[in-house]
Amino acid sequence: MNTAPGRDLLERFAYDTTPTYLVFNARGEETLRVSTLPSIEAVQAAGGV
């Protein structure tokens, strides 16, 4: 990433550095999608635990 093309890629995709946390239920259905670490209560409410 120290080359010009690498720096260009870093600048273009810098927005994609925030993690996304997904929670799925037992049937494999997505029940929660957040960009901050969810509390255990939120995960339980979404049916992930």
N, C-alpha and C. Protein backbone atom coordinates (compact mmCIF):
# COMPACT_ATOMS: atom_id res chain seq x y z
N MET A 1 0.81 -1.20 0.00
CA MET A 1 0.00 0.00 0.00
C MET A 1 0.86 1.27 0.00
N ASN A 2 2.16 1.11 -0.13
CA ASN A 2 3.04 2.28 -0.16
C ASN A 2 3.27 2.79 -1.57
N THR A 3 2.70 2.12 -2.57
CA THR A 3 2.83 2.59 -3.95
C THR A 3 1.68 3.54 -4.24
N ALA A 4 1.82 4.29 -5.32
CA ALA A 4 0.74 5.23 -5.69
C ALA A 4 -0.60 4.53 -5.87
N PRO A 5 -0.66 3.39 -6.59
CA PRO A 5 -1.96 2.71 -6.71
C PRO A 5 -2.50 2.23 -5.36
N GLY A 6 -1.62 1.80 -4.48
CA GLY A 6 -2.05 1.35 -3.15
C GLY A 6 -2.62 2.49 -2.33
N ARG A 7 -1.96 3.63 -2.38
CA ARG A 7 -2.47 4.80 -1.65
C ARG A 7 -3.82 5.24 -2.21
N ASP A 8 -3.97 5.15 -3.52
CA ASP A 8 -5.25 5.50 -4.15
C ASP A 8 -6.35 4.57 -3.65
N LEU A 9 -6.07 3.29 -3.57
CA LEU A 9 -7.07 2.34 -3.07
C LEU A 9 -7.43 2.64 -1.62
N LEU A 10 -6.43 2.93 -0.80
CA LEU A 10 -6.71 3.25 0.60
C LEU A 10 -7.61 4.47 0.72
N GLU A 11 -7.35 5.48 -0.09
CA GLU A 11 -8.18 6.69 -0.04
C GLU A 11 -9.59 6.41 -0.53
N ARG A 12 -9.73 5.64 -1.58
CA ARG A 12 -11.05 5.36 -2.15
C ARG A 12 -11.90 4.49 -1.24
N PHE A 13 -11.26 3.59 -0.50
CA PHE A 13 -12.02 2.65 0.31
C PHE A 13 -11.86 2.89 1.81
N ALA A 14 -11.43 4.09 2.19
CA ALA A 14 -11.24 4.42 3.61
C ALA A 14 -12.55 4.35 4.37
N TYR A 15 -13.66 4.60 3.70
CA TYR A 15 -14.97 4.55 4.37
C TYR A 15 -15.31 3.15 4.84
N ASP A 16 -14.66 2.14 4.30
CA ASP A 16 -15.02 0.75 4.59
C ASP A 16 -14.22 0.17 5.74
N THR A 17 -13.75 1.02 6.67
CA THR A 17 -12.93 0.52 7.77
C THR A 17 -13.73 0.29 9.04
N THR A 18 -15.00 0.66 9.05
CA THR A 18 -15.84 0.45 10.23
C THR A 18 -16.39 -0.96 10.19
N PRO A 19 -16.17 -1.75 11.24
CA PRO A 19 -16.69 -3.12 11.22
C PRO A 19 -18.21 -3.13 11.32
N THR A 20 -18.80 -4.16 10.76
CA THR A 20 -20.24 -4.37 10.87
C THR A 20 -20.44 -5.69 11.60
N TYR A 21 -21.23 -5.64 12.66
CA TYR A 21 -21.51 -6.83 13.45
C TYR A 21 -22.87 -7.38 13.04
N LEU A 22 -22.90 -8.66 12.73
CA LEU A 22 -24.13 -9.32 12.30
C LEU A 22 -24.51 -10.38 13.32
N VAL A 23 -25.81 -10.50 13.58
CA VAL A 23 -26.33 -11.54 14.48
C VAL A 23 -27.34 -12.35 13.68
N PHE A 24 -27.21 -13.67 13.75
CA PHE A 24 -28.13 -14.57 13.06
C PHE A 24 -28.86 -15.42 14.08
N ASN A 25 -30.09 -15.78 13.77
CA ASN A 25 -30.83 -16.69 14.65
C ASN A 25 -30.50 -18.13 14.27
N ALA A 26 -31.12 -19.08 14.94
CA ALA A 26 -30.83 -20.50 14.71
C ALA A 26 -31.20 -20.94 13.29
N ARG A 27 -32.11 -20.24 12.64
CA ARG A 27 -32.50 -20.59 11.27
C ARG A 27 -31.58 -19.97 10.23
N GLY A 28 -30.58 -19.21 10.69
CA GLY A 28 -29.64 -18.59 9.77
C GLY A 28 -30.11 -17.27 9.20
N GLU A 29 -31.15 -16.70 9.80
CA GLU A 29 -31.67 -15.42 9.33
C GLU A 29 -30.98 -14.28 10.07
N GLU A 30 -30.62 -13.25 9.35
CA GLU A 30 -29.99 -12.09 9.97
C GLU A 30 -31.02 -11.35 10.81
N THR A 31 -30.69 -11.11 12.08
CA THR A 31 -31.64 -10.45 12.98
C THR A 31 -31.13 -9.11 13.50
N LEU A 32 -29.84 -8.84 13.32
CA LEU A 32 -29.28 -7.58 13.81
C LEU A 32 -28.06 -7.24 12.97
N ARG A 33 -27.95 -5.96 12.58
CA ARG A 33 -26.78 -5.46 11.84
C ARG A 33 -26.47 -4.08 12.41
N VAL A 34 -25.31 -3.94 13.05
CA VAL A 34 -24.92 -2.67 13.64
C VAL A 34 -23.44 -2.41 13.36
N SER A 35 -23.04 -1.14 13.44
CA SER A 35 -21.65 -0.79 13.19
C SER A 35 -20.88 -0.54 14.47
N THR A 36 -21.54 -0.70 15.62
CA THR A 36 -20.84 -0.62 16.91
C THR A 36 -21.05 -1.95 17.62
N LEU A 37 -20.15 -2.28 18.51
CA LEU A 37 -20.25 -3.55 19.22
C LEU A 37 -21.56 -3.59 20.00
N PRO A 38 -22.43 -4.55 19.69
CA PRO A 38 -23.73 -4.58 20.39
C PRO A 38 -23.58 -5.12 21.80
N SER A 39 -24.46 -4.68 22.67
CA SER A 39 -24.47 -5.20 24.04
C SER A 39 -25.03 -6.62 24.01
N ILE A 40 -24.75 -7.40 25.04
CA ILE A 40 -25.28 -8.76 25.12
C ILE A 40 -26.80 -8.73 25.15
N GLU A 41 -27.37 -7.69 25.74
CA GLU A 41 -28.83 -7.57 25.78
C GLU A 41 -29.40 -7.41 24.37
N ALA A 42 -28.73 -6.61 23.54
CA ALA A 42 -29.19 -6.42 22.17
C ALA A 42 -29.08 -7.71 21.36
N VAL A 43 -28.00 -8.45 21.59
CA VAL A 43 -27.82 -9.73 20.90
C VAL A 43 -28.89 -10.72 21.33
N GLN A 44 -29.15 -10.79 22.62
CA GLN A 44 -30.18 -11.69 23.12
C GLN A 44 -31.56 -11.30 22.60
N ALA A 45 -31.85 -10.00 22.56
CA ALA A 45 -33.15 -9.54 22.06
C ALA A 45 -33.32 -9.87 20.58
N ALA A 46 -32.21 -9.93 19.85
CA ALA A 46 -32.26 -10.26 18.43
C ALA A 46 -32.33 -11.76 18.21
N GLY A 47 -32.27 -12.53 19.29
CA GLY A 47 -32.37 -13.99 19.16
C GLY A 47 -31.07 -14.67 18.80
N GLY A 48 -29.95 -13.97 19.02
CA GLY A 48 -28.66 -14.54 18.64
C GLY A 48 -28.02 -15.41 19.70
N VAL A 49 -28.53 -15.41 20.92
CA VAL A 49 -27.94 -16.23 21.99
C VAL A 49 -29.02 -17.07 22.61
